[in-house]
Amino acid sequence: MKTRLLLIAGLMAACAMPAAAGTLETVRSRGEMVCGVSPGVAGFSVPDEAGRWGGFDVDICRAVAAAVFGDAGKVRYTPLSPKDRFVSLQSGEIDVLSRQATWTLSRDTQMGLRYVGIGYYDGQGFMVRKSLNIKSAKELNGASVCVPTGTTTELNIADYFRANGMKFEGVAFEAGDQVAKAFESGRCDVFSNDVSALSAYRLKLVNPTEYVILPELISKEPLGPVVRQGDETWTSIVRWSLYAMLVAEELGVTSANVEEQKKTGSPEVQRLLGVTGNLGESMGLKPDWALQIVKQVGNYGEVYERNVGAGSKLGIERGLNKLWTQGGLQYAPPVR
């Protein structure tokens, strides 16, 4: 009986205690969101000469800020190495991690983190010098391979070479720029990373045209924003900020026509832009949260093309990142 009374008293006391502030409240009281990004990867997250960050991963954070504040500029960016990226999120140093970080079972279940969606479908590949006249990864037996440490890249290489009866010598470095410099200086024969990262690092080499990315993809690398577990409202905000850009592209809503679509769009467009209903209310957002994302950042297609697409310096075809209606894998749940 005494034990039961103590238990009841404990529960009553817990209920009487004020709830800890969620991430949304913390972000709003701070007046800005803190976003963890890669430290200077062209097309994904890189500062310009004035220190303004831009790129695909940066735009995901800008979309969240637009939803939360109505102002995509209210973001502070923290560049993080592969070693520090998850620790910084776990400790609360950042609110969102939006960098090249592959979604895996262990990361999603054992680290107190939650992936909210797949913003970019990628795969690991290999880059070599054209002068080697190598046409396939199957020709890399005995090669030395430069990789970033603390990533899935190392494990994927080991699996691939073992499965194909080949040997390799791994040369690991903490930061991607160190890997690229080592590769360029001849410390290894091959540079392995996600193909998107290889495309970005190739631009930094003195003579980019002297290098080629081999055709094989040896892994699945689903990349997307990450938050801490246990805050469902914040998880939903980050997830639907990404999905809003995808839905906008599906519906033909762009940064150029969003105001007109607000007046004349279909019922689904009207719901997305907050004209009818208030689907943002359950997340603590204003009715026009998605409108602000599209207006200030763009739909998914605009973000892709501007940063990494065929018309950008990276020139990466949409491929798997096309909408599902165009033969790709990008697919968002309905807004209703």
Protein backbone atom coordinates (compact mmCIF):
# COMPACT_ATOMS: atom_id res chain seq x y z
CA MET A 1 0.00 0.00 0.00
CA LYS A 2 2.82 2.37 0.90
CA THR A 3 4.54 1.64 -2.40
CA ARG A 4 1.35 2.40 -4.32
CA LEU A 5 0.87 5.70 -2.49
CA LEU A 6 4.45 6.70 -3.24
CA LEU A 7 3.96 5.83 -6.89
CA ILE A 8 0.75 7.89 -7.09
CA ALA A 9 2.43 10.81 -5.35
CA GLY A 10 5.34 10.60 -7.80
CA LEU A 11 3.02 10.62 -10.79
CA MET A 12 1.08 13.60 -9.41
CA ALA A 13 4.31 15.50 -8.85
CA ALA A 14 5.49 14.72 -12.38
CA CYS A 15 2.20 15.97 -13.80
CA ALA A 16 2.48 19.16 -11.77
CA MET A 17 5.98 19.93 -13.08
CA PRO A 18 6.14 22.30 -16.05
CA ALA A 19 6.99 20.55 -19.32
CA ALA A 20 10.46 21.17 -20.72
CA ALA A 21 10.45 23.58 -23.63
CA GLY A 22 10.37 21.87 -27.03
CA THR A 23 12.71 22.68 -29.88
CA LEU A 24 10.16 24.96 -31.56
CA GLU A 25 9.87 27.11 -28.43
CA THR A 26 13.64 27.16 -27.99
CA VAL A 27 14.20 28.19 -31.60
CA ARG A 28 11.58 30.94 -31.43
CA SER A 29 12.89 32.35 -28.16
CA ARG A 30 16.41 32.39 -29.61
CA GLY A 31 15.17 34.16 -32.73
CA GLU A 32 16.97 31.87 -35.15
CA MET A 33 17.45 28.21 -36.00
CA VAL A 34 20.88 26.57 -35.77
CA CYS A 35 21.58 24.24 -38.68
CA GLY A 36 24.49 21.81 -38.93
CA VAL A 37 25.94 21.55 -42.44
CA SER A 38 28.95 20.17 -44.29
CA PRO A 39 32.02 22.43 -44.12
CA GLY A 40 32.10 23.73 -47.68
CA VAL A 41 30.76 21.20 -50.22
CA ALA A 42 29.91 22.91 -53.52
CA GLY A 43 26.24 22.69 -54.40
CA PHE A 44 25.22 21.51 -50.94
CA SER A 45 26.61 23.86 -48.30
CA VAL A 46 29.24 26.48 -48.94
CA PRO A 47 29.66 30.12 -47.90
CA ASP A 48 30.25 32.82 -50.50
CA GLU A 49 32.83 35.60 -50.22
CA ALA A 50 30.49 37.55 -47.96
CA GLY A 51 30.01 34.55 -45.66
CA ARG A 52 26.46 33.82 -46.84
CA TRP A 53 25.76 30.09 -46.95
CA GLY A 54 24.09 28.50 -49.95
CA GLY A 55 23.40 25.06 -51.37
CA PHE A 56 20.89 22.21 -51.45
CA ASP A 57 21.28 21.29 -47.76
CA VAL A 58 21.26 24.94 -46.78
CA ASP A 59 17.97 25.46 -48.62
CA ILE A 60 16.35 22.70 -46.56
CA CYS A 61 17.23 24.66 -43.42
CA ARG A 62 16.01 27.87 -45.03
CA ALA A 63 12.70 26.12 -45.75
CA VAL A 64 12.29 25.19 -42.06
CA ALA A 65 13.07 28.78 -41.02
CA ALA A 66 10.51 30.09 -43.51
CA ALA A 67 7.89 27.77 -42.01
CA VAL A 68 8.73 28.68 -38.41
CA PHE A 69 9.46 32.41 -38.67
CA GLY A 70 8.08 33.41 -42.05
CA ASP A 71 11.69 34.39 -42.76
CA ALA A 72 14.07 31.97 -44.49
CA GLY A 73 17.04 34.06 -43.38
CA LYS A 74 16.70 33.33 -39.68
CA VAL A 75 19.27 30.51 -39.68
CA ARG A 76 22.77 30.27 -38.21
CA TYR A 77 24.95 27.64 -39.89
CA THR A 78 27.44 25.44 -38.07
CA PRO A 79 29.90 23.54 -40.32
CA LEU A 80 30.51 20.04 -38.95
CA SER A 81 32.91 17.22 -39.78
CA PRO A 82 31.67 13.61 -40.07
CA LYS A 83 33.06 12.96 -36.58
CA ASP A 84 31.17 15.84 -34.95
CA ARG A 85 27.89 15.96 -36.89
CA PHE A 86 25.78 13.58 -34.78
CA VAL A 87 27.31 14.55 -31.43
CA SER A 88 26.46 18.20 -32.07
CA LEU A 89 22.83 17.28 -32.70
CA GLN A 90 22.62 14.97 -29.69
CA SER A 91 24.05 17.64 -27.39
CA GLY A 92 21.62 20.32 -28.57
CA GLU A 93 24.31 22.47 -30.16
CA ILE A 94 22.27 22.45 -33.38
CA ASP A 95 18.53 22.10 -34.00
CA VAL A 96 18.70 20.31 -37.36
CA LEU A 97 21.45 18.41 -39.15
CA SER A 98 21.20 19.00 -42.89
CA ARG A 99 24.33 17.60 -44.49
CA GLN A 100 25.46 14.49 -46.32
CA ALA A 101 24.64 11.91 -43.66
CA THR A 102 23.31 8.54 -44.83
CA TRP A 103 20.13 7.18 -43.24
CA THR A 104 20.94 3.76 -41.72
CA LEU A 105 19.16 1.50 -39.24
CA SER A 106 21.70 2.01 -36.45
CA ARG A 107 21.74 5.80 -36.83
CA ASP A 108 17.95 5.88 -36.77
CA THR A 109 17.51 3.59 -33.76
CA GLN A 110 20.61 3.65 -31.55
CA MET A 111 21.73 7.27 -31.40
CA GLY A 112 18.68 9.12 -30.11
CA LEU A 113 18.18 10.68 -33.53
CA ARG A 114 15.42 10.65 -36.14
CA TYR A 115 15.71 11.00 -39.91
CA VAL A 116 12.65 12.88 -41.12
CA GLY A 117 12.75 12.06 -44.84
CA ILE A 118 14.98 11.58 -47.88
CA GLY A 119 15.90 14.83 -49.52
CA TYR A 120 18.47 13.34 -51.90
CA TYR A 121 18.89 9.79 -53.20
CA ASP A 122 22.59 9.16 -53.69
CA GLY A 123 25.04 6.30 -54.06
CA GLN A 124 28.74 5.77 -53.37
CA GLY A 125 31.13 5.77 -56.30
CA PHE A 126 34.78 6.13 -57.28
CA MET A 127 36.77 8.92 -58.91
CA VAL A 128 40.08 8.26 -60.70
CA ARG A 129 42.46 10.06 -63.02
CA LYS A 130 41.55 9.79 -66.70
CA SER A 131 45.19 9.00 -67.46
CA LEU A 132 44.79 5.62 -65.75
CA ASN A 133 42.30 4.65 -68.47
CA ILE A 134 40.12 2.80 -65.95
CA LYS A 135 36.56 2.26 -67.15
CA SER A 136 35.05 0.21 -64.32
CA ALA A 137 35.37 -0.22 -60.55
CA LYS A 138 36.04 -3.91 -61.26
CA GLU A 139 39.50 -2.82 -62.45
CA LEU A 140 40.53 -1.41 -59.04
CA ASN A 141 42.05 -4.55 -57.53
CA GLY A 142 45.05 -3.57 -55.39
CA ALA A 143 44.29 0.15 -55.53
CA SER A 144 44.79 2.58 -52.68
CA VAL A 145 41.53 4.34 -51.85
CA CYS A 146 41.19 7.69 -50.05
CA VAL A 147 38.05 8.00 -47.90
CA PRO A 148 36.62 10.22 -45.13
CA THR A 149 36.78 8.46 -41.78
CA GLY A 150 33.79 7.97 -39.49
CA THR A 151 31.37 7.40 -42.39
CA THR A 152 29.57 4.53 -44.10
CA THR A 153 32.03 5.01 -46.99
CA GLU A 154 34.71 2.86 -45.36
CA LEU A 155 32.33 -0.03 -44.67
CA ASN A 156 30.87 0.07 -48.18
CA ILE A 157 34.31 -0.14 -49.78
CA ALA A 158 35.28 -3.11 -47.63
CA ASP A 159 32.04 -4.88 -48.54
CA TYR A 160 32.39 -4.14 -52.26
CA PHE A 161 36.00 -5.27 -52.60
CA ARG A 162 35.40 -8.41 -50.55
CA ALA A 163 32.29 -9.32 -52.57
CA ASN A 164 34.26 -8.97 -55.82
CA GLY A 165 37.35 -10.86 -54.65
CA MET A 166 39.56 -7.76 -54.77
CA LYS A 167 41.99 -6.15 -52.37
CA PHE A 168 42.56 -2.48 -51.57
CA GLU A 169 44.51 -0.22 -49.26
CA GLY A 170 42.38 2.28 -47.35
CA VAL A 171 43.77 5.76 -46.69
CA ALA A 172 41.44 7.62 -44.29
CA PHE A 173 41.21 11.31 -43.40
CA GLU A 174 38.87 13.17 -41.08
CA ALA A 175 37.65 15.86 -43.46
CA GLY A 176 36.51 15.69 -47.07
CA ASP A 177 38.87 18.49 -48.14
CA GLN A 178 41.80 16.50 -46.72
CA VAL A 179 40.71 13.47 -48.73
CA ALA A 180 40.49 15.52 -51.93
CA LYS A 181 43.94 17.07 -51.41
CA ALA A 182 45.50 13.69 -50.66
CA PHE A 183 43.95 12.23 -53.79
CA GLU A 184 45.08 15.13 -55.95
CA SER A 185 48.63 14.91 -54.58
CA GLY A 186 48.85 11.23 -55.51
CA ARG A 187 48.68 9.69 -52.05
CA CYS A 188 46.03 7.30 -53.34
CA ASP A 189 44.78 5.98 -56.68
CA VAL A 190 41.07 6.42 -55.99
CA PHE A 191 38.78 8.86 -54.19
CA SER A 192 35.58 7.24 -52.94
CA ASN A 193 32.53 9.03 -51.57
CA ASP A 194 28.90 9.67 -52.45
CA VAL A 195 28.70 10.64 -56.12
CA SER A 196 27.22 14.01 -55.21
CA ALA A 197 30.23 14.73 -52.98
CA LEU A 198 32.67 13.51 -55.64
CA SER A 199 31.05 15.88 -58.15
CA ALA A 200 31.48 18.74 -55.69
CA TYR A 201 35.08 17.96 -54.73
CA ARG A 202 36.09 17.51 -58.37
CA LEU A 203 35.32 21.22 -58.89
CA LYS A 204 37.93 22.07 -56.24
CA LEU A 205 40.75 20.21 -57.99
CA VAL A 206 43.23 22.27 -60.00
CA ASN A 207 42.30 20.50 -63.26
CA PRO A 208 38.82 18.99 -62.81
CA THR A 209 38.67 17.68 -66.39
CA GLU A 210 41.57 15.31 -65.66
CA TYR A 211 39.35 13.18 -63.42
CA VAL A 212 36.41 10.91 -64.10
CA ILE A 213 33.75 9.34 -61.88
CA LEU A 214 33.30 5.66 -62.68
CA PRO A 215 29.79 4.44 -63.61
CA GLU A 216 29.22 1.98 -60.75
CA LEU A 217 27.22 2.83 -57.65
CA ILE A 218 28.19 0.44 -54.88
CA SER A 219 25.67 1.43 -52.23
CA LYS A 220 22.39 3.11 -51.38
CA GLU A 221 22.95 6.51 -49.77
CA PRO A 222 19.63 8.10 -48.79
CA LEU A 223 20.42 11.57 -47.46
CA GLY A 224 18.11 13.82 -45.51
CA PRO A 225 17.66 16.10 -42.51
CA VAL A 226 18.05 14.71 -38.99
CA VAL A 227 16.59 15.82 -35.66
CA ARG A 228 16.66 14.53 -32.09
CA GLN A 229 14.16 11.86 -31.05
CA GLY A 230 11.43 12.72 -28.58
CA ASP A 231 10.13 16.00 -30.03
CA GLU A 232 7.34 15.02 -32.37
CA THR A 233 6.25 18.58 -33.16
CA TRP A 234 9.73 19.59 -34.32
CA THR A 235 10.12 16.34 -36.25
CA SER A 236 6.86 17.06 -38.08
CA ILE A 237 7.90 20.64 -38.89
CA VAL A 238 11.20 19.61 -40.45
CA ARG A 239 9.62 16.65 -42.26
CA TRP A 240 6.76 18.66 -43.77
CA SER A 241 9.03 21.54 -44.71
CA LEU A 242 10.79 19.07 -47.01
CA TYR A 243 7.53 17.50 -48.20
CA ALA A 244 5.96 20.91 -48.88
CA MET A 245 8.64 21.59 -51.49
CA LEU A 246 7.98 18.22 -53.14
CA VAL A 247 4.20 18.67 -53.14
CA ALA A 248 4.61 22.18 -54.56
CA GLU A 249 6.61 20.82 -57.48
CA GLU A 250 4.03 18.08 -58.08
CA LEU A 251 1.28 20.72 -58.20
CA GLY A 252 3.23 23.14 -60.39
CA VAL A 253 3.54 25.77 -57.66
CA THR A 254 6.76 27.78 -57.98
CA SER A 255 8.34 30.78 -56.31
CA ALA A 256 7.29 32.82 -59.35
CA ASN A 257 3.60 31.86 -59.42
CA VAL A 258 2.81 31.08 -55.77
CA GLU A 259 0.87 34.29 -55.16
CA GLU A 260 -1.28 33.69 -58.24
CA GLN A 261 -1.77 30.03 -57.30
CA LYS A 262 -2.96 31.20 -53.90
CA LYS A 263 -5.92 32.81 -55.67
CA THR A 264 -6.62 30.39 -58.51
CA GLY A 265 -5.10 27.03 -57.57
CA SER A 266 -6.81 23.66 -57.18
CA PRO A 267 -8.30 22.54 -53.84
CA GLU A 268 -5.03 20.73 -53.03
CA VAL A 269 -3.04 23.86 -53.84
CA GLN A 270 -5.39 25.90 -51.66
CA ARG A 271 -4.79 23.51 -48.75
CA LEU A 272 -1.01 23.57 -49.25
CA LEU A 273 -0.87 27.36 -49.30
CA GLY A 274 -3.15 27.75 -46.27
CA VAL A 275 -6.07 29.37 -48.09
CA THR A 276 -8.46 26.68 -46.87
CA GLY A 277 -8.09 24.88 -43.57
CA ASN A 278 -5.19 25.44 -41.21
CA LEU A 279 -3.01 22.36 -41.48
CA GLY A 280 -0.09 24.15 -39.85
CA GLU A 281 -1.94 24.66 -36.58
CA SER A 282 -1.16 21.19 -35.23
CA MET A 283 2.56 21.97 -35.69
CA GLY A 284 2.31 25.40 -34.11
CA LEU A 285 2.70 27.14 -37.48
CA LYS A 286 0.75 29.87 -39.26
CA PRO A 287 -1.62 28.91 -42.09
CA ASP A 288 0.78 30.23 -44.77
CA TRP A 289 3.82 28.22 -43.58
CA ALA A 290 4.13 26.30 -46.86
CA LEU A 291 3.46 29.40 -48.95
CA GLN A 292 6.42 31.08 -47.26
CA ILE A 293 8.65 28.09 -48.05
CA VAL A 294 7.81 28.14 -51.76
CA LYS A 295 7.87 31.93 -52.03
CA GLN A 296 11.23 32.39 -50.28
CA VAL A 297 13.07 29.14 -51.09
CA GLY A 298 11.27 27.51 -54.02
CA ASN A 299 9.79 24.10 -54.74
CA TYR A 300 11.96 20.98 -54.74
CA GLY A 301 12.72 21.17 -58.46
CA GLU A 302 13.81 24.80 -58.18
CA VAL A 303 16.08 24.00 -55.23
CA TYR A 304 17.61 21.00 -57.02
CA GLU A 305 18.22 22.77 -60.31
CA ARG A 306 19.63 25.92 -58.72
CA ASN A 307 22.17 24.09 -56.57
CA VAL A 308 23.15 20.78 -58.15
CA GLY A 309 21.11 20.27 -61.33
CA ALA A 310 22.06 20.17 -64.99
CA GLY A 311 22.25 23.95 -65.17
CA SER A 312 24.49 24.31 -62.12
CA LYS A 313 28.26 23.95 -61.87
CA LEU A 314 27.86 20.36 -60.64
CA GLY A 315 25.60 19.39 -63.54
CA ILE A 316 24.04 16.35 -61.81
CA GLU A 317 21.03 14.88 -63.61
CA ARG A 318 17.90 14.42 -61.49
CA GLY A 319 17.92 10.63 -61.94
CA LEU A 320 16.40 8.96 -58.88
CA ASN A 321 15.58 12.39 -57.52
CA LYS A 322 12.94 13.01 -60.15
CA LEU A 323 9.37 13.07 -58.91
CA TRP A 324 7.57 9.72 -58.84
CA THR A 325 5.35 11.03 -61.64
CA GLN A 326 8.46 11.38 -63.81
CA GLY A 327 10.00 7.98 -63.08
CA GLY A 328 11.97 8.95 -59.98
CA LEU A 329 11.68 8.10 -56.28
CA GLN A 330 10.74 11.47 -54.81
CA TYR A 331 7.28 11.12 -53.33
CA ALA A 332 5.48 13.09 -50.64
CA PRO A 333 2.33 12.16 -48.68
CA PRO A 334 -0.85 14.11 -49.47
CA VAL A 335 -1.46 17.49 -47.85
CA ARG A 336 -4.90 17.01 -46.32
